[in-house]
């Protein structure tokens, strides 16, 4: 292999935590070690860069973390890094250690910070997409998405047991910020009667039509999965409107919340994180910068950070249609 374009790298996790971040960190550290590149872990994301909270990492410092959710380096959203003075401090701390490359594990906010930092100071940056929302362009899945999806599915399955026992209608809110990937896929996987996501124009009338159709089919209990970014209104507003339209219904609301962000990562997330962590180091060694490592059609790819942030993964229209057909 030709000589590496980087000699010392830093790695950190930033923004919302996602299951599999530790697996990605492990892959970065061990790949760097394999190619004789010095690697430093930075605690609490961009805050650690500013506060000089670096720790030298080697293969043994990431042992047994592949199974753990969250991030051993901790994560934080840094307001100070958004200022020129904050970034100057971060740069000086990198220079002090001779760091010439960074692997930034996180979502779009993390990538924006990395892009600005590279443009101002020239340190090579590669992003690794770690977010349960699956809302980053340039990778089929983001790290943490599969685990969050399975957590949501298992929770909805349990809620269904209660729904059928009491002939209740449950409105279940899942995470995903402004993206409906978790809602659509968990709703399809659990046989939800309705799936409300921000990517399609939902209406109360359409939802009521579904309930009427379910009644005619003899359904006495139902699940409606609602994405947290749904534009129709809050889950409580939607439930209230349904209660007004169907006064005899026994309606309940369940918000799954941060349970979806934690837990041991799934096999898919561990493998994805390992491949992307490795890919990020290889990318830096090849001299790449301002790029994000992703997996597309089971191949490692690099997408410009600008494109990864500005473009969006399209919602699968066929999946939406399937969910409607199968909910009858």
Protein backbone atom coordinates (compact mmCIF):
# COMPACT_ATOMS: atom_id res chain seq x y z
CA UNK A 1 0.00 0.00 0.00
CA UNK A 2 1.24 3.47 -0.89
CA UNK A 3 2.30 5.87 1.83
CA UNK A 4 -0.56 7.24 3.92
CA UNK A 5 -1.65 10.86 3.43
CA UNK A 6 -2.18 11.11 7.22
CA UNK A 7 0.12 10.27 10.14
CA UNK A 8 -2.02 11.12 13.18
CA UNK A 9 -5.79 11.14 13.36
CA UNK A 10 -8.48 12.07 15.86
CA UNK A 11 -11.87 10.34 16.15
CA UNK A 12 -14.97 11.52 17.98
CA UNK A 13 -18.72 10.99 18.24
CA UNK A 14 -21.03 13.97 18.08
CA UNK A 15 -24.74 14.85 18.13
CA UNK A 16 -27.38 12.30 19.13
CA UNK A 17 -26.01 8.90 20.16
CA UNK A 18 -26.83 5.85 18.05
CA UNK A 19 -26.31 2.12 18.66
CA UNK A 20 -23.19 1.07 16.75
CA UNK A 21 -21.15 4.22 17.36
CA UNK A 22 -18.83 2.20 19.60
CA UNK A 23 -18.42 -0.43 16.89
CA UNK A 24 -17.45 2.33 14.42
CA UNK A 25 -14.99 3.82 16.94
CA UNK A 26 -13.44 0.38 17.47
CA UNK A 27 -13.01 -0.07 13.72
CA UNK A 28 -11.36 3.34 13.33
CA UNK A 29 -8.90 2.76 16.18
CA UNK A 30 -7.93 -0.76 15.11
CA UNK A 31 -7.62 0.08 11.41
CA UNK A 32 -5.39 3.05 12.30
CA UNK A 33 -3.28 0.78 14.51
CA UNK A 34 -2.96 -1.81 11.73
CA UNK A 35 -1.56 0.83 9.36
CA UNK A 36 0.70 2.42 12.03
CA UNK A 37 -1.28 5.65 12.26
CA UNK A 38 -1.43 7.33 15.67
CA UNK A 39 -5.03 7.66 16.85
CA UNK A 40 -6.53 9.95 19.48
CA UNK A 41 -10.05 9.72 20.84
CA UNK A 42 -11.73 13.04 21.62
CA UNK A 43 -14.25 13.13 24.45
CA UNK A 44 -17.61 14.89 24.00
CA UNK A 45 -17.29 15.67 20.31
CA UNK A 46 -16.35 19.20 19.27
CA UNK A 47 -16.31 20.30 22.93
CA UNK A 48 -13.37 17.93 23.48
CA UNK A 49 -11.48 19.44 20.53
CA UNK A 50 -11.90 22.89 22.10
CA UNK A 51 -11.20 21.78 25.70
CA UNK A 52 -8.16 19.68 24.74
CA UNK A 53 -9.79 16.45 25.98
CA UNK A 54 -7.79 13.99 23.84
CA UNK A 55 -6.80 10.46 24.79
CA UNK A 56 -4.35 8.22 22.91
CA UNK A 57 -6.14 5.06 21.76
CA UNK A 58 -4.87 1.66 20.72
CA UNK A 59 -6.40 -1.76 20.02
CA UNK A 60 -6.85 -2.61 23.73
CA UNK A 61 -8.62 0.66 24.54
CA UNK A 62 -11.59 -0.43 22.41
CA UNK A 63 -11.87 -4.04 23.61
CA UNK A 64 -15.37 -5.39 24.34
CA UNK A 65 -17.16 -2.22 23.17
CA UNK A 66 -18.61 -3.63 19.93
CA UNK A 67 -21.62 -4.93 21.91
CA UNK A 68 -22.34 -1.66 23.73
CA UNK A 69 -24.89 0.97 22.78
CA UNK A 70 -24.19 4.68 23.25
CA UNK A 71 -20.61 5.93 22.92
CA UNK A 72 -17.67 5.49 25.30
CA UNK A 73 -16.26 8.83 24.11
CA UNK A 74 -19.52 10.58 25.08
CA UNK A 75 -21.32 12.95 22.78
CA UNK A 76 -22.37 16.58 23.00
CA UNK A 77 -23.71 19.38 20.84
CA UNK A 78 -21.17 22.22 20.88
CA UNK A 79 -22.33 25.82 20.58
CA UNK A 80 -18.78 27.12 21.03
CA UNK A 81 -17.57 25.25 17.94
CA UNK A 82 -20.03 27.31 15.90
CA UNK A 83 -17.89 30.38 16.68
CA UNK A 84 -14.65 31.27 14.89
CA UNK A 85 -12.87 31.52 18.28
CA UNK A 86 -14.01 28.01 19.28
CA UNK A 87 -12.77 26.49 16.04
CA UNK A 88 -9.44 28.34 16.40
CA UNK A 89 -8.94 26.72 19.83
CA UNK A 90 -9.82 23.31 18.38
CA UNK A 91 -7.31 23.78 15.57
CA UNK A 92 -4.52 24.80 17.96
CA UNK A 93 -5.11 21.65 20.02
CA UNK A 94 -4.89 19.53 16.86
CA UNK A 95 -1.67 21.27 15.75
CA UNK A 96 -0.14 20.67 19.20
CA UNK A 97 -0.44 16.91 18.60
CA UNK A 98 0.33 16.96 14.89
CA UNK A 99 -3.15 15.71 13.97
CA UNK A 100 -3.70 15.88 10.22
CA UNK A 101 -6.93 13.89 9.84
CA UNK A 102 -10.25 13.45 11.66
CA UNK A 103 -13.03 10.86 11.61
CA UNK A 104 -16.31 12.44 12.68
CA UNK A 105 -19.06 9.98 13.68
CA UNK A 106 -22.51 11.57 13.78
CA UNK A 107 -25.27 13.16 11.73
CA UNK A 108 -25.74 16.26 9.58
CA UNK A 109 -24.81 18.76 12.33
CA UNK A 110 -21.56 16.87 12.92
CA UNK A 111 -20.79 16.90 9.20
CA UNK A 112 -21.49 20.62 8.83
CA UNK A 113 -18.98 21.36 11.61
CA UNK A 114 -16.38 19.09 9.98
CA UNK A 115 -16.84 20.74 6.58
CA UNK A 116 -16.36 24.26 7.99
CA UNK A 117 -13.32 23.13 10.01
CA UNK A 118 -11.68 21.62 6.94
CA UNK A 119 -12.31 24.70 4.80
CA UNK A 120 -10.86 27.02 7.45
CA UNK A 121 -7.84 25.00 8.57
CA UNK A 122 -7.20 22.26 6.03
CA UNK A 123 -7.29 19.26 8.39
CA UNK A 124 -8.65 16.31 6.39
CA UNK A 125 -12.09 15.14 7.56
CA UNK A 126 -14.15 12.03 6.79
CA UNK A 127 -17.68 11.64 8.16
CA UNK A 128 -19.23 8.38 9.33
CA UNK A 129 -23.07 8.49 9.40
CA UNK A 130 -24.24 7.59 12.92
CA UNK A 131 -27.91 8.48 13.48
CA UNK A 132 -31.04 6.42 14.04
CA UNK A 133 -33.04 8.72 11.70
CA UNK A 134 -31.55 7.29 8.47
CA UNK A 135 -31.80 10.79 6.99
CA UNK A 136 -28.28 11.11 5.51
CA UNK A 137 -27.83 10.87 1.74
CA UNK A 138 -25.06 8.66 0.31
CA UNK A 139 -25.59 5.49 2.35
CA UNK A 140 -28.36 2.90 2.19
CA UNK A 141 -28.55 2.86 5.99
CA UNK A 142 -27.05 4.95 8.77
CA UNK A 143 -25.46 3.38 11.86
CA UNK A 144 -28.10 2.85 14.56
CA UNK A 145 -31.12 2.83 12.24
CA UNK A 146 -31.55 -0.96 12.14
CA UNK A 147 -31.33 -1.29 15.94
CA UNK A 148 -33.80 1.57 16.49
CA UNK A 149 -36.15 0.00 13.97
CA UNK A 150 -36.06 -3.35 15.77
CA UNK A 151 -36.58 -1.65 19.14
CA UNK A 152 -39.62 0.19 17.78
CA UNK A 153 -41.00 -2.99 16.22
CA UNK A 154 -40.66 -4.98 19.44
CA UNK A 155 -42.32 -2.21 21.47
CA UNK A 156 -45.24 -1.93 19.02
CA UNK A 157 -45.68 -5.71 19.09
CA UNK A 158 -46.09 -5.50 22.88
CA UNK A 159 -48.53 -2.58 22.59
CA UNK A 160 -50.59 -4.63 20.11
CA UNK A 161 -51.10 -7.31 22.79
CA UNK A 162 -52.77 -4.70 24.98
CA UNK A 163 -54.71 -3.22 22.07
CA UNK A 164 -56.24 -6.56 21.12
CA UNK A 165 -56.97 -7.51 24.74
CA UNK A 166 -59.07 -4.36 25.27
CA UNK A 167 -60.31 -3.48 21.75
CA UNK A 168 -58.30 -0.26 21.83
CA UNK A 169 -56.89 2.06 19.19
CA UNK A 170 -53.26 2.96 19.90
CA UNK A 171 -51.46 5.90 18.36
CA UNK A 172 -47.74 5.14 18.71
CA UNK A 173 -45.13 7.86 18.13
CA UNK A 174 -41.69 6.79 16.95
CA UNK A 175 -38.51 8.86 16.55
CA UNK A 176 -36.86 9.99 13.34
CA UNK A 177 -36.96 13.79 13.62
CA UNK A 178 -38.12 14.99 10.16
CA UNK A 179 -37.74 11.58 8.50
CA UNK A 180 -40.36 8.83 8.43
CA UNK A 181 -38.13 5.80 7.81
CA UNK A 182 -38.58 4.27 11.28
CA UNK A 183 -42.34 4.93 11.19
CA UNK A 184 -42.88 3.44 7.73
CA UNK A 185 -40.82 0.31 8.26
CA UNK A 186 -41.91 -0.43 11.84
CA UNK A 187 -45.52 0.25 10.84
CA UNK A 188 -45.31 -2.17 7.93
CA UNK A 189 -43.54 -4.78 10.08
CA UNK A 190 -46.23 -4.61 12.82
CA UNK A 191 -49.30 -4.46 10.60
CA UNK A 192 -50.32 -0.91 11.50
CA UNK A 193 -53.65 0.27 10.08
CA UNK A 194 -52.17 3.71 9.44
CA UNK A 195 -48.68 5.19 9.10
CA UNK A 196 -48.33 8.97 9.32
CA UNK A 197 -45.01 10.36 8.07
CA UNK A 198 -43.80 13.86 7.13
CA UNK A 199 -42.83 12.81 3.58
CA UNK A 200 -46.43 12.35 2.46
CA UNK A 201 -49.44 14.63 2.67
CA UNK A 202 -51.63 13.02 5.33
CA UNK A 203 -55.17 14.03 6.15
CA UNK A 204 -57.56 13.26 9.00
CA UNK A 205 -60.17 12.33 6.38
CA UNK A 206 -57.91 9.60 4.93
CA UNK A 207 -57.25 8.27 8.42
CA UNK A 208 -60.99 8.21 9.20
CA UNK A 209 -61.63 6.31 5.96
CA UNK A 210 -59.17 3.68 7.13
CA UNK A 211 -60.93 3.32 10.47
CA UNK A 212 -64.30 2.99 8.71
CA UNK A 213 -62.87 0.34 6.39
CA UNK A 214 -61.40 -1.52 9.39
CA UNK A 215 -64.77 -1.46 11.15
CA UNK A 216 -66.46 -3.01 8.11
CA UNK A 217 -63.76 -5.69 8.02
CA UNK A 218 -64.49 -6.47 11.68
CA UNK A 219 -61.31 -5.01 13.17
CA UNK A 220 -61.90 -4.06 16.81
CA UNK A 221 -58.37 -2.88 17.65
CA UNK A 222 -55.80 -1.01 15.62
CA UNK A 223 -52.34 0.53 15.71
CA UNK A 224 -51.49 3.83 14.01
CA UNK A 225 -47.75 4.62 13.84
CA UNK A 226 -46.93 8.34 13.82
CA UNK A 227 -43.50 9.82 13.00
CA UNK A 228 -42.46 12.52 15.48
CA UNK A 229 -42.05 15.01 12.61
CA UNK A 230 -45.57 14.40 11.22
CA UNK A 231 -46.93 17.64 9.75
CA UNK A 232 -50.60 16.91 10.50
CA UNK A 233 -50.06 17.92 14.12
CA UNK A 234 -48.94 16.39 17.40
CA UNK A 235 -49.88 12.81 18.18
CA UNK A 236 -52.23 14.13 20.89
CA UNK A 237 -54.00 16.42 18.38
CA UNK A 238 -54.46 13.52 15.97
CA UNK A 239 -55.77 11.24 18.74
CA UNK A 240 -58.15 13.98 19.94
CA UNK A 241 -59.53 14.53 16.42
CA UNK A 242 -60.05 10.77 16.05
CA UNK A 243 -61.87 10.59 19.38
CA UNK A 244 -64.20 13.38 18.22
CA UNK A 245 -64.89 11.52 14.97
CA UNK A 246 -65.31 8.13 16.65
CA UNK A 247 -66.68 8.78 20.17
CA UNK A 248 -67.06 5.05 20.93
CA UNK A 249 -63.39 4.27 20.38
CA UNK A 250 -61.14 3.55 23.37
CA UNK A 251 -58.07 5.54 22.29
CA UNK A 252 -54.60 5.53 23.84
CA UNK A 253 -51.34 7.32 22.99
CA UNK A 254 -47.86 5.81 23.45
CA UNK A 255 -44.64 7.72 22.81
CA UNK A 256 -41.65 5.39 22.52
CA UNK A 257 -39.08 8.18 22.87
CA UNK A 258 -35.43 7.61 23.71
CA UNK A 259 -35.81 3.87 24.27
CA UNK A 260 -35.16 3.71 20.50
CA UNK A 261 -31.73 5.34 20.82
CA UNK A 262 -30.23 2.86 23.27
CA UNK A 263 -29.48 -0.82 23.53
CA UNK A 264 -26.94 -3.24 22.16
CA UNK A 265 -26.55 -2.72 18.39
CA UNK A 266 -27.99 -5.31 16.02
CA UNK A 267 -25.73 -7.52 13.89
CA UNK A 268 -26.48 -5.32 10.85
CA UNK A 269 -25.42 -2.17 12.73
CA UNK A 270 -22.24 -3.78 14.08
CA UNK A 271 -21.18 -4.91 10.62
CA UNK A 272 -22.12 -1.59 8.98
CA UNK A 273 -20.24 0.39 11.66
CA UNK A 274 -17.17 -1.84 11.28
CA UNK A 275 -17.12 -1.38 7.52
CA UNK A 276 -17.62 2.39 7.68
CA UNK A 277 -15.05 2.90 10.46
CA UNK A 278 -12.51 0.98 8.39
CA UNK A 279 -13.55 2.88 5.25
CA UNK A 280 -13.10 6.27 6.93
CA UNK A 281 -9.47 5.53 7.82
CA UNK A 282 -8.74 4.14 4.33
CA UNK A 283 -10.30 7.30 2.87
CA UNK A 284 -8.04 9.56 4.95
CA UNK A 285 -4.99 7.46 4.02
CA UNK A 286 -5.89 7.96 0.34
CA UNK A 287 -5.99 11.73 0.86
CA UNK A 288 -9.77 12.09 0.73
CA UNK A 289 -11.36 14.97 2.65
CA UNK A 290 -14.77 16.54 3.11
CA UNK A 291 -16.28 13.16 2.25
CA UNK A 292 -18.63 10.76 4.03
CA UNK A 293 -18.08 7.01 4.01
CA UNK A 294 -21.26 5.10 3.19
CA UNK A 295 -22.51 1.70 2.04
CA UNK A 296 -24.50 1.62 -1.19
CA UNK A 297 -25.59 -1.70 -2.72
CA UNK A 298 -23.19 -3.43 -0.30
CA UNK A 299 -20.17 -1.45 -1.55
CA UNK A 300 -18.11 1.16 0.30
CA UNK A 301 -18.68 4.58 -1.29
CA UNK A 302 -17.63 8.16 -0.61
CA UNK A 303 -20.05 11.07 -0.98
CA UNK A 304 -19.15 14.72 -0.56
CA UNK A 305 -20.30 16.00 2.85
CA UNK A 306 -22.10 18.84 1.09
CA UNK A 307 -24.16 16.37 -0.94
CA UNK A 308 -24.76 14.09 2.06
CA UNK A 309 -26.29 17.00 3.98
CA UNK A 310 -28.24 18.73 1.20
CA UNK A 311 -29.79 15.72 -0.53
CA UNK A 312 -32.23 13.35 1.15
CA UNK A 313 -32.89 9.64 0.93
CA UNK A 314 -36.17 9.15 -0.90
CA UNK A 315 -39.06 7.39 0.81
CA UNK A 316 -39.88 4.09 -0.92
CA UNK A 317 -43.30 4.74 -2.49
CA UNK A 318 -43.84 1.03 -3.09
CA UNK A 319 -43.45 0.35 0.64
CA UNK A 320 -46.12 2.97 1.35
CA UNK A 321 -48.46 1.26 -1.10
CA UNK A 322 -47.73 -2.18 0.37
CA UNK A 323 -48.45 -0.90 3.89
CA UNK A 324 -51.86 0.38 2.71
CA UNK A 325 -52.78 -2.85 0.91
CA UNK A 326 -51.73 -5.14 3.76
CA UNK A 327 -53.53 -3.10 6.44
CA UNK A 328 -56.99 -4.08 5.12
